[in-house]
Amino acid sequence: MDIFGSMLANGIELGALAVAVWAFVDAVTRPTPLYTAADKLTKPAWLGIAGGAVAVSFLTDTLGLFGLVALVASIVYLVDVRPALQQVQRGNPW
């Protein structure tokens, strides 16, 4: 692989890890009751999913099967769960 391809692959790996860490940190900082109020999985479930995504992103190739599953899980949290939690949080004084 040439230098550009290697840099691109490293950038994708780092980006996927950053997305997974962002999802995990966001899940940690949200109050527990928001998850049930937003009709989502529980906070421990999302912490497990997001934490697992961080571990998988750190330990495996992002373009492999497990890496892609971890990336998709992180993206689902950020584009589905996080906005729902924010919506509920705006309506409730947590």
N, C-alpha and C. Protein backbone atom coordinates (compact mmCIF):
# COMPACT_ATOMS: atom_id res chain seq x y z
N MET A 1 0.85 -1.17 0.00
CA MET A 1 0.00 0.00 0.00
C MET A 1 0.90 1.24 0.00
N ASP A 2 0.55 2.20 -0.78
CA ASP A 2 1.36 3.42 -0.82
C ASP A 2 1.11 4.28 0.41
N ILE A 3 1.86 5.35 0.54
CA ILE A 3 1.78 6.20 1.73
C ILE A 3 0.41 6.86 1.86
N PHE A 4 -0.18 7.27 0.74
CA PHE A 4 -1.49 7.90 0.79
C PHE A 4 -2.56 6.91 1.27
N GLY A 5 -2.51 5.70 0.76
CA GLY A 5 -3.47 4.69 1.18
C GLY A 5 -3.33 4.35 2.65
N SER A 6 -2.10 4.31 3.10
CA SER A 6 -1.85 4.02 4.52
C SER A 6 -2.37 5.16 5.40
N MET A 7 -2.13 6.39 4.97
CA MET A 7 -2.63 7.54 5.74
C MET A 7 -4.15 7.57 5.75
N LEU A 8 -4.75 7.24 4.63
CA LEU A 8 -6.22 7.20 4.55
C LEU A 8 -6.79 6.13 5.47
N ALA A 9 -6.19 4.96 5.45
CA ALA A 9 -6.65 3.87 6.33
C ALA A 9 -6.50 4.26 7.80
N ASN A 10 -5.39 4.88 8.14
CA ASN A 10 -5.18 5.33 9.52
C ASN A 10 -6.19 6.40 9.90
N GLY A 11 -6.52 7.28 8.98
CA GLY A 11 -7.52 8.31 9.25
C GLY A 11 -8.90 7.74 9.48
N ILE A 12 -9.25 6.72 8.70
CA ILE A 12 -10.54 6.05 8.88
C ILE A 12 -10.58 5.35 10.23
N GLU A 13 -9.50 4.68 10.59
CA GLU A 13 -9.42 4.00 11.89
C GLU A 13 -9.58 5.00 13.03
N LEU A 14 -8.86 6.10 12.96
CA LEU A 14 -8.92 7.12 14.01
C LEU A 14 -10.30 7.76 14.07
N GLY A 15 -10.90 8.01 12.91
CA GLY A 15 -12.24 8.59 12.87
C GLY A 15 -13.29 7.68 13.49
N ALA A 16 -13.21 6.40 13.18
CA ALA A 16 -14.16 5.43 13.75
C ALA A 16 -13.99 5.34 15.26
N LEU A 17 -12.75 5.35 15.72
CA LEU A 17 -12.50 5.33 17.17
C LEU A 17 -13.05 6.59 17.83
N ALA A 18 -12.86 7.74 17.19
CA ALA A 18 -13.36 9.00 17.74
C ALA A 18 -14.89 9.00 17.83
N VAL A 19 -15.57 8.46 16.83
CA VAL A 19 -17.03 8.38 16.84
C VAL A 19 -17.49 7.47 17.98
N ALA A 20 -16.81 6.35 18.16
CA ALA A 20 -17.18 5.41 19.23
C ALA A 20 -16.96 6.04 20.61
N VAL A 21 -15.85 6.75 20.78
CA VAL A 21 -15.58 7.41 22.06
C VAL A 21 -16.60 8.51 22.31
N TRP A 22 -16.95 9.26 21.29
CA TRP A 22 -17.95 10.33 21.43
C TRP A 22 -19.29 9.73 21.89
N ALA A 23 -19.71 8.64 21.26
CA ALA A 23 -20.97 8.00 21.65
C ALA A 23 -20.91 7.51 23.09
N PHE A 24 -19.80 6.89 23.48
CA PHE A 24 -19.67 6.38 24.85
C PHE A 24 -19.68 7.51 25.87
N VAL A 25 -18.92 8.56 25.64
CA VAL A 25 -18.86 9.68 26.58
C VAL A 25 -20.23 10.35 26.69
N ASP A 26 -20.91 10.50 25.57
CA ASP A 26 -22.25 11.09 25.61
C ASP A 26 -23.21 10.20 26.40
N ALA A 27 -23.13 8.90 26.20
CA ALA A 27 -24.01 7.97 26.94
C ALA A 27 -23.73 8.04 28.43
N VAL A 28 -22.47 8.18 28.82
CA VAL A 28 -22.11 8.27 30.24
C VAL A 28 -22.69 9.53 30.87
N THR A 29 -22.69 10.63 30.14
CA THR A 29 -23.09 11.91 30.72
C THR A 29 -24.60 12.12 30.81
N ARG A 30 -25.37 11.32 30.11
CA ARG A 30 -26.83 11.49 30.14
C ARG A 30 -27.43 10.84 31.39
N PRO A 31 -28.39 11.52 32.03
CA PRO A 31 -29.04 10.92 33.21
C PRO A 31 -29.80 9.64 32.85
N THR A 32 -29.77 8.69 33.76
CA THR A 32 -30.38 7.38 33.54
C THR A 32 -31.87 7.45 33.19
N PRO A 33 -32.69 8.27 33.88
CA PRO A 33 -34.13 8.27 33.56
C PRO A 33 -34.47 8.73 32.14
N LEU A 34 -33.56 9.46 31.50
CA LEU A 34 -33.86 9.93 30.15
C LEU A 34 -34.05 8.79 29.17
N TYR A 35 -33.31 7.72 29.35
CA TYR A 35 -33.36 6.61 28.39
C TYR A 35 -34.75 5.98 28.36
N THR A 36 -35.33 5.75 29.55
CA THR A 36 -36.67 5.17 29.57
C THR A 36 -37.71 6.20 29.13
N ALA A 37 -37.50 7.46 29.51
CA ALA A 37 -38.44 8.50 29.11
C ALA A 37 -38.45 8.69 27.59
N ALA A 38 -37.31 8.46 26.95
CA ALA A 38 -37.22 8.58 25.50
C ALA A 38 -37.60 7.29 24.79
N ASP A 39 -38.01 6.27 25.56
CA ASP A 39 -38.41 4.97 25.02
C ASP A 39 -37.29 4.31 24.23
N LYS A 40 -36.10 4.33 24.83
CA LYS A 40 -34.91 3.70 24.25
C LYS A 40 -34.44 2.59 25.18
N LEU A 41 -33.43 1.85 24.76
CA LEU A 41 -32.83 0.87 25.66
C LEU A 41 -32.32 1.57 26.91
N THR A 42 -32.09 0.83 27.96
CA THR A 42 -31.64 1.42 29.21
C THR A 42 -30.23 1.99 29.09
N LYS A 43 -29.86 2.83 30.04
CA LYS A 43 -28.52 3.40 30.04
C LYS A 43 -27.45 2.31 30.14
N PRO A 44 -27.58 1.31 31.04
CA PRO A 44 -26.55 0.27 31.06
C PRO A 44 -26.42 -0.47 29.72
N ALA A 45 -27.52 -0.67 29.04
CA ALA A 45 -27.46 -1.34 27.74
C ALA A 45 -26.67 -0.50 26.73
N TRP A 46 -26.96 0.80 26.68
CA TRP A 46 -26.24 1.66 25.75
C TRP A 46 -24.79 1.86 26.16
N LEU A 47 -24.52 1.85 27.46
CA LEU A 47 -23.12 1.92 27.89
C LEU A 47 -22.36 0.67 27.45
N GLY A 48 -23.01 -0.47 27.54
CA GLY A 48 -22.39 -1.71 27.08
C GLY A 48 -22.15 -1.71 25.58
N ILE A 49 -23.14 -1.25 24.83
CA ILE A 49 -23.01 -1.19 23.37
C ILE A 49 -21.92 -0.21 22.97
N ALA A 50 -21.98 0.99 23.54
CA ALA A 50 -20.99 2.02 23.18
C ALA A 50 -19.60 1.65 23.68
N GLY A 51 -19.50 1.11 24.88
CA GLY A 51 -18.20 0.67 25.40
C GLY A 51 -17.62 -0.46 24.58
N GLY A 52 -18.48 -1.38 24.17
CA GLY A 52 -18.04 -2.46 23.30
C GLY A 52 -17.56 -1.92 21.95
N ALA A 53 -18.25 -0.91 21.45
CA ALA A 53 -17.85 -0.30 20.18
C ALA A 53 -16.47 0.36 20.30
N VAL A 54 -16.21 1.00 21.44
CA VAL A 54 -14.89 1.60 21.66
C VAL A 54 -13.82 0.51 21.67
N ALA A 55 -14.07 -0.55 22.41
CA ALA A 55 -13.10 -1.65 22.50
C ALA A 55 -12.85 -2.28 21.14
N VAL A 56 -13.91 -2.55 20.41
CA VAL A 56 -13.77 -3.18 19.10
C VAL A 56 -13.05 -2.24 18.13
N SER A 57 -13.40 -0.95 18.17
CA SER A 57 -12.75 0.02 17.29
C SER A 57 -11.26 0.14 17.59
N PHE A 58 -10.92 0.00 18.86
CA PHE A 58 -9.52 0.11 19.26
C PHE A 58 -8.74 -1.15 18.91
N LEU A 59 -9.38 -2.31 19.00
CA LEU A 59 -8.67 -3.57 18.87
C LEU A 59 -8.71 -4.21 17.49
N THR A 60 -9.67 -3.82 16.65
CA THR A 60 -9.81 -4.50 15.36
C THR A 60 -9.75 -3.50 14.21
N ASP A 61 -9.75 -4.05 13.03
CA ASP A 61 -9.76 -3.26 11.80
C ASP A 61 -11.16 -2.70 11.58
N THR A 62 -11.27 -1.41 11.38
CA THR A 62 -12.58 -0.76 11.20
C THR A 62 -13.30 -1.31 9.96
N LEU A 63 -12.56 -1.67 8.94
CA LEU A 63 -13.20 -2.14 7.72
C LEU A 63 -13.53 -3.63 7.76
N GLY A 64 -13.23 -4.30 8.87
CA GLY A 64 -13.64 -5.69 9.06
C GLY A 64 -15.07 -5.75 9.57
N LEU A 65 -15.60 -6.94 9.67
CA LEU A 65 -16.99 -7.12 10.07
C LEU A 65 -17.27 -6.52 11.45
N PHE A 66 -16.47 -6.85 12.43
CA PHE A 66 -16.71 -6.36 13.79
C PHE A 66 -16.50 -4.85 13.87
N GLY A 67 -15.54 -4.34 13.15
CA GLY A 67 -15.31 -2.90 13.13
C GLY A 67 -16.48 -2.15 12.54
N LEU A 68 -17.04 -2.69 11.47
CA LEU A 68 -18.20 -2.03 10.85
C LEU A 68 -19.42 -2.10 11.75
N VAL A 69 -19.62 -3.21 12.45
CA VAL A 69 -20.74 -3.33 13.39
C VAL A 69 -20.57 -2.31 14.52
N ALA A 70 -19.35 -2.16 15.01
CA ALA A 70 -19.09 -1.18 16.07
C ALA A 70 -19.36 0.24 15.57
N LEU A 71 -18.94 0.53 14.37
CA LEU A 71 -19.17 1.87 13.80
C LEU A 71 -20.66 2.14 13.62
N VAL A 72 -21.38 1.16 13.13
CA VAL A 72 -22.84 1.31 12.95
C VAL A 72 -23.53 1.52 14.30
N ALA A 73 -23.13 0.76 15.31
CA ALA A 73 -23.73 0.92 16.65
C ALA A 73 -23.48 2.33 17.18
N SER A 74 -22.28 2.85 17.00
CA SER A 74 -21.97 4.20 17.46
C SER A 74 -22.79 5.24 16.71
N ILE A 75 -22.91 5.05 15.41
CA ILE A 75 -23.69 5.99 14.60
C ILE A 75 -25.17 5.93 14.98
N VAL A 76 -25.70 4.75 15.23
CA VAL A 76 -27.10 4.63 15.64
C VAL A 76 -27.32 5.41 16.93
N TYR A 77 -26.41 5.27 17.88
CA TYR A 77 -26.56 6.03 19.13
C TYR A 77 -26.57 7.53 18.83
N LEU A 78 -25.62 8.00 18.02
CA LEU A 78 -25.49 9.43 17.79
C LEU A 78 -26.61 10.04 16.96
N VAL A 79 -27.18 9.28 16.03
CA VAL A 79 -28.22 9.87 15.17
C VAL A 79 -29.64 9.51 15.60
N ASP A 80 -29.81 8.52 16.47
CA ASP A 80 -31.15 8.14 16.90
C ASP A 80 -31.35 8.36 18.40
N VAL A 81 -30.52 7.78 19.21
CA VAL A 81 -30.71 7.82 20.66
C VAL A 81 -30.39 9.21 21.21
N ARG A 82 -29.24 9.75 20.85
CA ARG A 82 -28.82 11.05 21.39
C ARG A 82 -29.85 12.15 21.13
N PRO A 83 -30.37 12.31 19.89
CA PRO A 83 -31.39 13.34 19.67
C PRO A 83 -32.66 13.10 20.49
N ALA A 84 -33.06 11.84 20.66
CA ALA A 84 -34.25 11.54 21.47
C ALA A 84 -34.02 11.92 22.93
N LEU A 85 -32.82 11.64 23.43
CA LEU A 85 -32.49 12.01 24.81
C LEU A 85 -32.47 13.53 24.97
N GLN A 86 -31.91 14.22 24.00
CA GLN A 86 -31.88 15.68 24.05
C GLN A 86 -33.28 16.26 24.02
N GLN A 87 -34.16 15.67 23.22
CA GLN A 87 -35.54 16.15 23.14
C GLN A 87 -36.25 16.00 24.48
N VAL A 88 -36.08 14.85 25.11
CA VAL A 88 -36.71 14.62 26.41
C VAL A 88 -36.09 15.54 27.45
N GLN A 89 -34.78 15.73 27.38
CA GLN A 89 -34.10 16.56 28.37
C GLN A 89 -34.54 18.01 28.27
N ARG A 90 -34.81 18.49 27.08
CA ARG A 90 -35.29 19.87 26.92
C ARG A 90 -36.67 20.05 27.55
N GLY A 91 -37.47 18.98 27.53
CA GLY A 91 -38.81 19.06 28.09
C GLY A 91 -38.87 18.79 29.57
N ASN A 92 -37.82 18.27 30.17
CA ASN A 92 -37.80 17.92 31.59
C ASN A 92 -36.62 18.57 32.29
N PRO A 93 -36.82 19.00 33.54
CA PRO A 93 -35.74 19.66 34.28
C PRO A 93 -34.77 18.70 34.95
N TRP A 94 -33.99 17.93 34.16
CA TRP A 94 -33.01 17.02 34.74
C TRP A 94 -31.72 17.74 34.95
